[in-house]
Amino acid sequence: MMHNPPHPGEILKELYFEPLSLSVTEAANVLGISRKTLSAILNNHSGISPLMALKLGVAFDTTPESWLELQSQYDLWQEHLRVGTPNIKKLFSFSTSEMSSQAPI
């Protein structure tokens, strides 16, 4: 797991908004969302939904999957900070050599 990954809003702000001098109003209009919604993402108060990932992918010529992966990494890290490593037993364990002999799922 990545350690302390940035919120996708930080990435959006630093890699796209600042270099392109985009305003929240201009980008919100292009994305078809409210300024409030976009501001919440840029200020790390809201996450990237699948629909937003699709919109950002088109607007910035990226993949929706990349935005969802950034959000997933951020969410996992935040949950890890909140609860730590879950204290549960493993249900199943196998070695790498056993994996190669397993049929694909």
C-alpha atoms as a PDB file:
ATOM      1  CA  MET A   1       0.000   0.000   0.000  1.00  0.00           C
ATOM      2  CA  MET A   2       1.219   3.465  -0.852  1.00  0.00           C
ATOM      3  CA  HIS A   3       2.094   5.675   2.109  1.00  0.00           C
ATOM      4  CA  ASN A   4       0.197   8.922   2.486  1.00  0.00           C
ATOM      5  CA  PRO A   5      -0.991   9.285  -1.114  1.00  0.00           C
ATOM      6  CA  PRO A   6      -2.275  12.707  -2.154  1.00  0.00           C
ATOM      7  CA  HIS A   7      -5.977  13.392  -2.521  1.00  0.00           C
ATOM      8  CA  PRO A   8      -6.992  13.405  -6.214  1.00  0.00           C
ATOM      9  CA  GLY A   9      -8.000  17.047  -5.792  1.00  0.00           C
ATOM     10  CA  GLU A  10      -4.366  17.929  -5.041  1.00  0.00           C
ATOM     11  CA  ILE A  11      -3.254  16.180  -8.231  1.00  0.00           C
ATOM     12  CA  LEU A  12      -5.952  17.945 -10.212  1.00  0.00           C
ATOM     13  CA  LYS A  13      -4.963  21.321  -8.789  1.00  0.00           C
ATOM     14  CA  GLU A  14      -1.179  20.917  -9.140  1.00  0.00           C
ATOM     15  CA  LEU A  15      -0.993  19.152 -12.515  1.00  0.00           C
ATOM     16  CA  TYR A  16      -3.864  20.795 -14.348  1.00  0.00           C
ATOM     17  CA  PHE A  17      -5.459  23.833 -12.744  1.00  0.00           C
ATOM     18  CA  GLU A  18      -2.316  25.733 -11.761  1.00  0.00           C
ATOM     19  CA  PRO A  19      -0.238  25.070 -14.923  1.00  0.00           C
ATOM     20  CA  LEU A  20      -3.211  25.779 -17.209  1.00  0.00           C
ATOM     21  CA  SER A  21      -4.428  28.738 -15.127  1.00  0.00           C
ATOM     22  CA  LEU A  22      -7.910  27.214 -15.054  1.00  0.00           C
ATOM     23  CA  SER A  23     -10.568  28.858 -12.950  1.00  0.00           C
ATOM     24  CA  VAL A  24     -13.016  26.811 -10.920  1.00  0.00           C
ATOM     25  CA  THR A  25     -15.911  28.478 -12.738  1.00  0.00           C
ATOM     26  CA  GLU A  26     -14.521  27.731 -16.205  1.00  0.00           C
ATOM     27  CA  ALA A  27     -13.703  24.110 -15.404  1.00  0.00           C
ATOM     28  CA  ALA A  28     -17.021  23.508 -13.612  1.00  0.00           C
ATOM     29  CA  ASN A  29     -18.883  24.757 -16.677  1.00  0.00           C
ATOM     30  CA  VAL A  30     -16.917  22.465 -18.987  1.00  0.00           C
ATOM     31  CA  LEU A  31     -17.406  19.488 -16.651  1.00  0.00           C
ATOM     32  CA  GLY A  32     -21.113  20.209 -16.264  1.00  0.00           C
ATOM     33  CA  ILE A  33     -20.945  20.447 -12.465  1.00  0.00           C
ATOM     34  CA  SER A  34     -21.377  23.199  -9.916  1.00  0.00           C
ATOM     35  CA  ARG A  35     -18.526  25.372  -8.697  1.00  0.00           C
ATOM     36  CA  LYS A  36     -19.291  24.085  -5.194  1.00  0.00           C
ATOM     37  CA  THR A  37     -18.816  20.452  -6.268  1.00  0.00           C
ATOM     38  CA  LEU A  38     -15.542  21.159  -8.048  1.00  0.00           C
ATOM     39  CA  SER A  39     -14.269  23.321  -5.199  1.00  0.00           C
ATOM     40  CA  ALA A  40     -14.985  20.477  -2.743  1.00  0.00           C
ATOM     41  CA  ILE A  41     -12.873  18.112  -4.857  1.00  0.00           C
ATOM     42  CA  LEU A  42     -10.014  20.611  -5.275  1.00  0.00           C
ATOM     43  CA  ASN A  43      -9.994  21.317  -1.536  1.00  0.00           C
ATOM     44  CA  ASN A  44      -9.957  17.628  -0.597  1.00  0.00           C
ATOM     45  CA  HIS A  45     -13.476  17.681   0.878  1.00  0.00           C
ATOM     46  CA  SER A  46     -15.041  15.394  -1.708  1.00  0.00           C
ATOM     47  CA  GLY A  47     -13.870  12.363  -3.635  1.00  0.00           C
ATOM     48  CA  ILE A  48     -13.857  11.343  -7.277  1.00  0.00           C
ATOM     49  CA  SER A  49     -16.941   9.355  -8.267  1.00  0.00           C
ATOM     50  CA  PRO A  50     -16.997   7.069 -11.314  1.00  0.00           C
ATOM     51  CA  LEU A  51     -18.975   9.714 -13.234  1.00  0.00           C
ATOM     52  CA  MET A  52     -16.488  12.423 -12.260  1.00  0.00           C
ATOM     53  CA  ALA A  53     -13.638  10.124 -13.299  1.00  0.00           C
ATOM     54  CA  LEU A  54     -15.249   9.778 -16.738  1.00  0.00           C
ATOM     55  CA  LYS A  55     -15.619  13.561 -17.025  1.00  0.00           C
ATOM     56  CA  LEU A  56     -12.049  14.256 -15.893  1.00  0.00           C
ATOM     57  CA  GLY A  57     -10.752  11.603 -18.276  1.00  0.00           C
ATOM     58  CA  VAL A  58     -12.357  13.334 -21.248  1.00  0.00           C
ATOM     59  CA  ALA A  59     -11.558  16.888 -20.111  1.00  0.00           C
ATOM     60  CA  PHE A  60      -7.885  16.238 -19.380  1.00  0.00           C
ATOM     61  CA  ASP A  61      -7.176  13.412 -21.850  1.00  0.00           C
ATOM     62  CA  THR A  62      -6.499  10.884 -19.101  1.00  0.00           C
ATOM     63  CA  THR A  63      -8.114   7.581 -18.228  1.00  0.00           C
ATOM     64  CA  PRO A  64     -11.047   7.401 -15.829  1.00  0.00           C
ATOM     65  CA  GLU A  65      -9.278   4.461 -14.204  1.00  0.00           C
ATOM     66  CA  SER A  66      -6.337   6.668 -13.233  1.00  0.00           C
ATOM     67  CA  TRP A  67      -8.640   9.013 -11.296  1.00  0.00           C
ATOM     68  CA  LEU A  68     -10.427   6.127  -9.604  1.00  0.00           C
ATOM     69  CA  GLU A  69      -7.094   4.534  -8.678  1.00  0.00           C
ATOM     70  CA  LEU A  70      -5.911   7.790  -7.097  1.00  0.00           C
ATOM     71  CA  GLN A  71      -9.156   7.966  -5.120  1.00  0.00           C
ATOM     72  CA  SER A  72      -8.904   4.319  -4.085  1.00  0.00           C
ATOM     73  CA  GLN A  73      -5.319   4.721  -2.859  1.00  0.00           C
ATOM     74  CA  TYR A  74      -6.281   7.818  -0.897  1.00  0.00           C
ATOM     75  CA  ASP A  75      -9.361   6.145   0.630  1.00  0.00           C
ATOM     76  CA  LEU A  76      -7.430   3.013   1.621  1.00  0.00           C
ATOM     77  CA  TRP A  77      -4.736   5.074   3.307  1.00  0.00           C
ATOM     78  CA  GLN A  78      -7.285   7.176   5.184  1.00  0.00           C
ATOM     79  CA  GLU A  79      -9.026   4.027   6.395  1.00  0.00           C
ATOM     80  CA  HIS A  80      -5.686   2.535   7.417  1.00  0.00           C
ATOM     81  CA  LEU A  81      -4.985   5.667   9.475  1.00  0.00           C
ATOM     82  CA  ARG A  82      -8.430   5.425  11.036  1.00  0.00           C
ATOM     83  CA  VAL A  83      -8.482   1.736  11.998  1.00  0.00           C
ATOM     84  CA  GLY A  84      -4.970   0.410  11.440  1.00  0.00           C
ATOM     85  CA  THR A  85      -4.422  -3.093  10.144  1.00  0.00           C
ATOM     86  CA  PRO A  86      -7.537  -5.197  10.731  1.00  0.00           C
ATOM     87  CA  ASN A  87      -6.984  -7.803  13.428  1.00  0.00           C
ATOM     88  CA  ILE A  88      -8.508 -10.806  11.686  1.00  0.00           C
ATOM     89  CA  LYS A  89      -7.342 -14.297  10.837  1.00  0.00           C
ATOM     90  CA  LYS A  90      -6.383 -15.253   7.303  1.00  0.00           C
ATOM     91  CA  LEU A  91      -8.946 -17.463   5.645  1.00  0.00           C
ATOM     92  CA  PHE A  92      -6.549 -18.760   3.053  1.00  0.00           C
ATOM     93  CA  SER A  93      -2.881 -18.460   2.252  1.00  0.00           C
ATOM     94  CA  PHE A  94      -0.757 -19.824  -0.546  1.00  0.00           C
ATOM     95  CA  SER A  95       2.720 -19.259  -1.881  1.00  0.00           C
ATOM     96  CA  THR A  96       3.665 -17.712  -5.216  1.00  0.00           C
ATOM     97  CA  SER A  97       4.583 -21.147  -6.592  1.00  0.00           C
ATOM     98  CA  GLU A  98       1.104 -22.400  -5.705  1.00  0.00           C
ATOM     99  CA  MET A  99      -0.395 -19.443  -7.544  1.00  0.00           C
ATOM    100  CA  SER A 100       1.214 -20.408 -10.838  1.00  0.00           C
ATOM    101  CA  SER A 101      -0.382 -23.862 -10.671  1.00  0.00           C
ATOM    102  CA  GLN A 102      -3.837 -22.501  -9.839  1.00  0.00           C
ATOM    103  CA  ALA A 103      -6.442 -22.215 -12.577  1.00  0.00           C
ATOM    104  CA  PRO A 104      -7.426 -18.637 -13.367  1.00  0.00           C
ATOM    105  CA  ILE A 105     -10.565 -17.403 -11.664  1.00  0.00           C
END
